[in-house]
Amino acid sequence: MQRSYFVDTWFFIARLDRFDSHHRQVLRVDREIVGAELFTHDHVLSEVLSFFSDAGSIARQRAATAIRRAIEDMAVISPDRGLFRRALALYEARPDKEYSLVDCISMTLMRERGITHVLTNDHHFAQEGFTLLNA
């Protein structure tokens, strides 16, 4: 059975930015998951583009190209109002955590799709019981 992974913002950024301290490890993980089913959502892609928005024209173009490729190569979910509300409920239910709403959308989507593995180093996903694949 083919394993499914959720691709978080961290993975995209570390993969694109060769100066990121996690760049090499992400390239290694990327080779290990060849053939896996990959998922993300529009808000993650927006975070990636926002991260590179002030990094200069070359970095912006590389990020845009990578996002276009991601849209073609993986399942990119466009959250609807229902998913947004369910994620908002998770956000409200965890006042003791520092989850962003984008994280809550990701976690809600992962639960609903039965995805247990996430390409990230964000410990918030581990707090919710997901398996991080970051090393």
N, C-alpha and C. Protein backbone atom coordinates (compact mmCIF):
# COMPACT_ATOMS: atom_id res chain seq x y z
N MET A 1 0.83 -1.18 0.00
CA MET A 1 0.00 0.00 0.00
C MET A 1 0.88 1.25 0.00
N GLN A 2 0.50 2.20 -0.78
CA GLN A 2 1.25 3.44 -0.93
C GLN A 2 1.02 4.34 0.29
N ARG A 3 2.07 4.83 0.90
CA ARG A 3 1.94 5.71 2.06
C ARG A 3 1.58 7.11 1.58
N SER A 4 0.77 7.79 2.37
CA SER A 4 0.37 9.17 2.10
C SER A 4 1.04 10.09 3.10
N TYR A 5 1.47 11.23 2.62
CA TYR A 5 2.11 12.24 3.46
C TYR A 5 1.45 13.59 3.24
N PHE A 6 1.32 14.32 4.32
CA PHE A 6 0.91 15.71 4.21
C PHE A 6 2.19 16.55 4.13
N VAL A 7 2.25 17.48 3.22
CA VAL A 7 3.44 18.32 3.03
C VAL A 7 3.15 19.69 3.65
N ASP A 8 3.91 20.00 4.69
CA ASP A 8 3.74 21.25 5.42
C ASP A 8 4.69 22.32 4.87
N THR A 9 4.44 23.54 5.28
CA THR A 9 5.21 24.70 4.84
C THR A 9 6.72 24.50 5.04
N TRP A 10 7.10 23.97 6.20
CA TRP A 10 8.51 23.76 6.52
C TRP A 10 9.23 22.99 5.42
N PHE A 11 8.60 21.93 4.94
CA PHE A 11 9.23 21.07 3.93
C PHE A 11 9.48 21.85 2.64
N PHE A 12 8.47 22.58 2.18
CA PHE A 12 8.63 23.36 0.95
C PHE A 12 9.76 24.38 1.10
N ILE A 13 9.76 25.11 2.21
CA ILE A 13 10.77 26.16 2.41
C ILE A 13 12.17 25.56 2.49
N ALA A 14 12.34 24.52 3.28
CA ALA A 14 13.67 23.90 3.42
C ALA A 14 14.14 23.31 2.10
N ARG A 15 13.22 22.81 1.30
CA ARG A 15 13.59 22.24 0.00
C ARG A 15 14.04 23.34 -0.98
N LEU A 16 13.38 24.47 -0.93
CA LEU A 16 13.68 25.56 -1.87
C LEU A 16 14.89 26.40 -1.48
N ASP A 17 15.11 26.57 -0.20
CA ASP A 17 16.15 27.46 0.27
C ASP A 17 17.42 26.68 0.59
N ARG A 18 18.40 26.73 -0.30
CA ARG A 18 19.62 25.94 -0.12
C ARG A 18 20.43 26.39 1.08
N PHE A 19 20.12 27.55 1.65
CA PHE A 19 20.80 28.04 2.84
C PHE A 19 20.07 27.65 4.13
N ASP A 20 18.91 27.06 3.98
CA ASP A 20 18.15 26.60 5.15
C ASP A 20 18.92 25.46 5.82
N SER A 21 18.98 25.48 7.13
CA SER A 21 19.74 24.46 7.86
C SER A 21 19.20 23.04 7.66
N HIS A 22 17.98 22.92 7.18
CA HIS A 22 17.36 21.61 6.97
C HIS A 22 17.35 21.18 5.49
N HIS A 23 17.97 21.98 4.64
CA HIS A 23 17.89 21.74 3.20
C HIS A 23 18.35 20.33 2.80
N ARG A 24 19.52 19.93 3.25
CA ARG A 24 20.04 18.61 2.86
C ARG A 24 19.18 17.48 3.38
N GLN A 25 18.73 17.60 4.61
CA GLN A 25 17.90 16.54 5.17
C GLN A 25 16.57 16.43 4.40
N VAL A 26 16.01 17.57 3.98
CA VAL A 26 14.77 17.54 3.21
C VAL A 26 15.01 16.90 1.84
N LEU A 27 16.14 17.19 1.21
CA LEU A 27 16.44 16.55 -0.08
C LEU A 27 16.55 15.04 0.08
N ARG A 28 17.13 14.59 1.18
CA ARG A 28 17.25 13.15 1.45
C ARG A 28 15.86 12.53 1.65
N VAL A 29 15.03 13.18 2.46
CA VAL A 29 13.67 12.69 2.69
C VAL A 29 12.89 12.68 1.38
N ASP A 30 13.07 13.71 0.58
CA ASP A 30 12.38 13.81 -0.71
C ASP A 30 12.69 12.59 -1.59
N ARG A 31 13.94 12.14 -1.57
CA ARG A 31 14.32 10.95 -2.35
C ARG A 31 13.68 9.69 -1.76
N GLU A 32 13.54 9.64 -0.45
CA GLU A 32 12.99 8.47 0.23
C GLU A 32 11.49 8.29 -0.01
N ILE A 33 10.79 9.35 -0.33
CA ILE A 33 9.34 9.27 -0.47
C ILE A 33 8.88 9.25 -1.93
N VAL A 34 9.80 9.02 -2.83
CA VAL A 34 9.44 8.95 -4.25
C VAL A 34 8.33 7.92 -4.42
N GLY A 35 7.28 8.29 -5.12
CA GLY A 35 6.16 7.40 -5.37
C GLY A 35 5.06 7.46 -4.32
N ALA A 36 5.31 8.19 -3.25
CA ALA A 36 4.28 8.34 -2.21
C ALA A 36 3.20 9.30 -2.68
N GLU A 37 2.05 9.19 -2.07
CA GLU A 37 0.95 10.10 -2.36
C GLU A 37 1.10 11.32 -1.45
N LEU A 38 1.20 12.51 -2.05
CA LEU A 38 1.45 13.74 -1.30
C LEU A 38 0.23 14.65 -1.34
N PHE A 39 -0.05 15.25 -0.17
CA PHE A 39 -1.18 16.17 -0.03
C PHE A 39 -0.71 17.46 0.61
N THR A 40 -1.35 18.54 0.26
CA THR A 40 -1.20 19.81 0.95
C THR A 40 -2.48 20.60 0.69
N HIS A 41 -2.48 21.87 1.07
CA HIS A 41 -3.65 22.70 0.76
C HIS A 41 -3.20 24.12 0.41
N ASP A 42 -4.12 24.86 -0.14
CA ASP A 42 -3.83 26.19 -0.65
C ASP A 42 -3.19 27.12 0.38
N HIS A 43 -3.61 27.02 1.63
CA HIS A 43 -3.07 27.94 2.64
C HIS A 43 -1.61 27.65 2.94
N VAL A 44 -1.20 26.41 2.87
CA VAL A 44 0.22 26.07 3.01
C VAL A 44 1.01 26.71 1.86
N LEU A 45 0.49 26.57 0.65
CA LEU A 45 1.18 27.15 -0.50
C LEU A 45 1.27 28.67 -0.38
N SER A 46 0.23 29.28 0.17
CA SER A 46 0.25 30.73 0.41
C SER A 46 1.33 31.10 1.41
N GLU A 47 1.48 30.29 2.47
CA GLU A 47 2.54 30.55 3.45
C GLU A 47 3.92 30.49 2.81
N VAL A 48 4.12 29.53 1.93
CA VAL A 48 5.42 29.40 1.26
C VAL A 48 5.70 30.64 0.42
N LEU A 49 4.73 31.05 -0.37
CA LEU A 49 4.92 32.23 -1.20
C LEU A 49 5.13 33.48 -0.35
N SER A 50 4.44 33.58 0.76
CA SER A 50 4.63 34.72 1.67
C SER A 50 6.04 34.73 2.24
N PHE A 51 6.56 33.56 2.59
CA PHE A 51 7.90 33.47 3.14
C PHE A 51 8.93 34.04 2.17
N PHE A 52 8.77 33.75 0.88
CA PHE A 52 9.75 34.18 -0.12
C PHE A 52 9.41 35.54 -0.74
N SER A 53 8.36 36.20 -0.28
CA SER A 53 7.91 37.43 -0.93
C SER A 53 8.93 38.55 -0.90
N ASP A 54 9.78 38.59 0.12
CA ASP A 54 10.78 39.67 0.19
C ASP A 54 12.20 39.14 0.03
N ALA A 55 12.34 37.98 -0.59
CA ALA A 55 13.66 37.34 -0.73
C ALA A 55 14.33 37.66 -2.06
N GLY A 56 13.77 38.56 -2.81
CA GLY A 56 14.35 38.92 -4.10
C GLY A 56 13.66 38.21 -5.25
N SER A 57 13.87 38.74 -6.43
CA SER A 57 13.12 38.26 -7.60
C SER A 57 13.46 36.82 -7.97
N ILE A 58 14.70 36.40 -7.83
CA ILE A 58 15.07 35.02 -8.17
C ILE A 58 14.39 34.04 -7.22
N ALA A 59 14.46 34.32 -5.92
CA ALA A 59 13.82 33.44 -4.94
C ALA A 59 12.31 33.42 -5.12
N ARG A 60 11.73 34.58 -5.40
CA ARG A 60 10.28 34.63 -5.63
C ARG A 60 9.90 33.77 -6.83
N GLN A 61 10.67 33.85 -7.91
CA GLN A 61 10.36 33.08 -9.11
C GLN A 61 10.54 31.58 -8.85
N ARG A 62 11.60 31.21 -8.14
CA ARG A 62 11.82 29.80 -7.79
C ARG A 62 10.65 29.27 -6.96
N ALA A 63 10.18 30.08 -6.01
CA ALA A 63 9.06 29.67 -5.17
C ALA A 63 7.79 29.51 -6.01
N ALA A 64 7.54 30.46 -6.88
CA ALA A 64 6.34 30.38 -7.74
C ALA A 64 6.39 29.14 -8.64
N THR A 65 7.57 28.87 -9.19
CA THR A 65 7.73 27.69 -10.04
C THR A 65 7.50 26.41 -9.24
N ALA A 66 8.03 26.36 -8.02
CA ALA A 66 7.85 25.18 -7.17
C ALA A 66 6.39 24.98 -6.81
N ILE A 67 5.68 26.07 -6.57
CA ILE A 67 4.26 25.96 -6.23
C ILE A 67 3.47 25.48 -7.44
N ARG A 68 3.78 26.00 -8.60
CA ARG A 68 3.10 25.51 -9.82
C ARG A 68 3.35 24.01 -10.01
N ARG A 69 4.57 23.57 -9.76
CA ARG A 69 4.91 22.14 -9.88
C ARG A 69 4.15 21.33 -8.84
N ALA A 70 4.06 21.84 -7.62
CA ALA A 70 3.33 21.14 -6.56
C ALA A 70 1.87 20.96 -6.94
N ILE A 71 1.29 21.99 -7.53
CA ILE A 71 -0.12 21.92 -7.94
C ILE A 71 -0.32 20.81 -8.97
N GLU A 72 0.68 20.58 -9.81
CA GLU A 72 0.60 19.53 -10.83
C GLU A 72 0.92 18.15 -10.27
N ASP A 73 1.85 18.07 -9.30
CA ASP A 73 2.39 16.79 -8.86
C ASP A 73 1.76 16.19 -7.62
N MET A 74 0.98 16.95 -6.88
CA MET A 74 0.39 16.41 -5.65
C MET A 74 -1.05 16.85 -5.54
N ALA A 75 -1.75 16.25 -4.61
CA ALA A 75 -3.13 16.64 -4.35
C ALA A 75 -3.12 17.92 -3.52
N VAL A 76 -3.60 19.00 -4.10
CA VAL A 76 -3.68 20.27 -3.40
C VAL A 76 -5.16 20.57 -3.16
N ILE A 77 -5.52 20.59 -1.90
CA ILE A 77 -6.91 20.77 -1.52
C ILE A 77 -7.20 22.26 -1.36
N SER A 78 -8.33 22.68 -1.87
CA SER A 78 -8.81 24.05 -1.67
C SER A 78 -9.83 24.01 -0.55
N PRO A 79 -9.44 24.44 0.64
CA PRO A 79 -10.37 24.35 1.78
C PRO A 79 -11.65 25.14 1.52
N ASP A 80 -12.78 24.50 1.79
CA ASP A 80 -14.06 25.18 1.66
C ASP A 80 -14.47 25.75 3.02
N ARG A 81 -15.59 26.41 3.06
CA ARG A 81 -16.03 27.04 4.30
C ARG A 81 -16.24 26.02 5.41
N GLY A 82 -16.72 24.82 5.06
CA GLY A 82 -16.92 23.79 6.07
C GLY A 82 -15.62 23.36 6.72
N LEU A 83 -14.58 23.12 5.92
CA LEU A 83 -13.28 22.75 6.46
C LEU A 83 -12.73 23.89 7.32
N PHE A 84 -12.90 25.11 6.85
CA PHE A 84 -12.44 26.27 7.61
C PHE A 84 -13.10 26.29 8.99
N ARG A 85 -14.40 26.05 9.04
CA ARG A 85 -15.13 26.07 10.31
C ARG A 85 -14.69 24.93 11.22
N ARG A 86 -14.47 23.74 10.66
CA ARG A 86 -14.01 22.61 11.47
C ARG A 86 -12.61 22.89 12.02
N ALA A 87 -11.76 23.52 11.22
CA ALA A 87 -10.42 23.89 11.68
C ALA A 87 -10.49 24.99 12.74
N LEU A 88 -11.40 25.92 12.57
CA LEU A 88 -11.59 26.97 13.56
C LEU A 88 -12.03 26.36 14.90
N ALA A 89 -12.86 25.33 14.83
CA ALA A 89 -13.29 24.64 16.05
C ALA A 89 -12.09 23.99 16.75
N LEU A 90 -11.18 23.39 15.99
CA LEU A 90 -9.96 22.83 16.59
C LEU A 90 -9.11 23.93 17.20
N TYR A 91 -8.97 25.03 16.50
CA TYR A 91 -8.21 26.19 16.99
C TYR A 91 -8.77 26.64 18.34
N GLU A 92 -10.08 26.74 18.42
CA GLU A 92 -10.74 27.18 19.65
C GLU A 92 -10.63 26.14 20.76
N ALA A 93 -10.59 24.87 20.38
CA ALA A 93 -10.54 23.78 21.36
C ALA A 93 -9.17 23.60 21.98
N ARG A 94 -8.15 24.25 21.43
CA ARG A 94 -6.78 24.09 21.93
C ARG A 94 -6.20 25.42 22.40
N PRO A 95 -6.85 26.11 23.34
CA PRO A 95 -6.34 27.41 23.79
C PRO A 95 -4.98 27.32 24.48
N ASP A 96 -4.62 26.13 24.92
CA ASP A 96 -3.33 25.93 25.59
C ASP A 96 -2.20 25.69 24.60
N LYS A 97 -2.51 25.59 23.32
CA LYS A 97 -1.50 25.34 22.28
C LYS A 97 -1.26 26.61 21.48
N GLU A 98 -0.21 26.58 20.69
CA GLU A 98 0.11 27.73 19.84
C GLU A 98 -0.11 27.40 18.37
N TYR A 99 -1.11 26.56 18.09
CA TYR A 99 -1.40 26.17 16.72
C TYR A 99 -1.87 27.37 15.91
N SER A 100 -1.34 27.51 14.71
CA SER A 100 -1.87 28.51 13.80
C SER A 100 -3.15 27.96 13.17
N LEU A 101 -3.95 28.83 12.59
CA LEU A 101 -5.15 28.35 11.92
C LEU A 101 -4.77 27.48 10.72
N VAL A 102 -3.67 27.81 10.04
CA VAL A 102 -3.21 26.98 8.92
C VAL A 102 -2.86 25.58 9.41
N ASP A 103 -2.20 25.48 10.57
CA ASP A 103 -1.93 24.16 11.15
C ASP A 103 -3.23 23.42 11.43
N CYS A 104 -4.21 24.12 11.98
CA CYS A 104 -5.49 23.48 12.30
C CYS A 104 -6.20 23.01 11.03
N ILE A 105 -6.11 23.77 9.96
CA ILE A 105 -6.68 23.32 8.68
C ILE A 105 -5.97 22.05 8.24
N SER A 106 -4.63 22.05 8.34
CA SER A 106 -3.84 20.88 7.94
C SER A 106 -4.23 19.66 8.77
N MET A 107 -4.28 19.82 10.08
CA MET A 107 -4.60 18.70 10.97
C MET A 107 -6.00 18.16 10.73
N THR A 108 -6.94 19.05 10.53
CA THR A 108 -8.32 18.63 10.27
C THR A 108 -8.39 17.87 8.96
N LEU A 109 -7.75 18.40 7.94
CA LEU A 109 -7.71 17.73 6.64
C LEU A 109 -7.05 16.36 6.74
N MET A 110 -5.94 16.29 7.46
CA MET A 110 -5.24 15.02 7.63
C MET A 110 -6.15 13.99 8.31
N ARG A 111 -6.80 14.39 9.37
CA ARG A 111 -7.70 13.46 10.08
C ARG A 111 -8.81 12.97 9.16
N GLU A 112 -9.40 13.88 8.43
CA GLU A 112 -10.52 13.53 7.56
C GLU A 112 -10.10 12.62 6.41
N ARG A 113 -8.86 12.71 6.00
CA ARG A 113 -8.35 11.89 4.90
C ARG A 113 -7.58 10.67 5.39
N GLY A 114 -7.43 10.51 6.69
CA GLY A 114 -6.72 9.36 7.24
C GLY A 114 -5.21 9.42 7.05
N ILE A 115 -4.66 10.61 6.92
CA ILE A 115 -3.22 10.78 6.74
C ILE A 115 -2.58 10.93 8.12
N THR A 116 -1.59 10.09 8.42
CA THR A 116 -0.98 10.12 9.74
C THR A 116 0.45 10.66 9.72
N HIS A 117 1.07 10.75 8.56
CA HIS A 117 2.46 11.18 8.44
C HIS A 117 2.52 12.57 7.79
N VAL A 118 3.38 13.41 8.36
CA VAL A 118 3.49 14.78 7.87
C VAL A 118 4.96 15.14 7.69
N LEU A 119 5.26 15.78 6.60
CA LEU A 119 6.62 16.24 6.30
C LEU A 119 6.78 17.62 6.91
N THR A 120 7.28 17.63 8.14
CA THR A 120 7.44 18.88 8.88
C THR A 120 8.38 18.68 10.05
N ASN A 121 8.78 19.78 10.66
CA ASN A 121 9.48 19.71 11.94
C ASN A 121 8.66 20.41 13.02
N ASP A 122 7.43 20.71 12.71
CA ASP A 122 6.53 21.43 13.61
C ASP A 122 5.98 20.48 14.67
N HIS A 123 6.42 20.66 15.91
CA HIS A 123 6.02 19.77 17.00
C HIS A 123 4.53 19.81 17.29
N HIS A 124 3.83 20.80 16.82
CA HIS A 124 2.38 20.86 17.03
C HIS A 124 1.67 19.65 16.43
N PHE A 125 2.18 19.17 15.31
CA PHE A 125 1.56 17.99 14.69
C PHE A 125 1.76 16.76 15.58
N ALA A 126 2.93 16.64 16.18
CA ALA A 126 3.18 15.53 17.10
C ALA A 126 2.26 15.64 18.32
N GLN A 127 2.01 16.85 18.79
CA GLN A 127 1.12 17.03 19.93
C GLN A 127 -0.29 16.52 19.63
N GLU A 128 -0.66 16.54 18.36
CA GLU A 128 -1.98 16.05 17.94
C GLU A 128 -1.94 14.57 17.52
N GLY A 129 -0.79 13.92 17.69
CA GLY A 129 -0.71 12.49 17.43
C GLY A 129 -0.25 12.08 16.05
N PHE A 130 0.18 13.04 15.25
CA PHE A 130 0.68 12.71 13.92
C PHE A 130 2.16 12.34 13.97
N THR A 131 2.62 11.61 12.96
CA THR A 131 4.00 11.17 12.87
C THR A 131 4.78 12.15 11.98
N LEU A 132 5.80 12.76 12.54
CA LEU A 132 6.64 13.70 11.79
C LEU A 132 7.72 12.93 11.05
N LEU A 133 7.90 13.28 9.79
CA LEU A 133 8.99 12.70 9.00
C LEU A 133 9.88 13.86 8.62
N ASN A 134 10.81 14.19 9.52
CA ASN A 134 11.63 15.38 9.30
C ASN A 134 13.12 15.07 9.35
N ALA A 135 13.49 13.83 9.55
CA ALA A 135 14.92 13.52 9.64
C ALA A 135 15.25 12.27 8.87
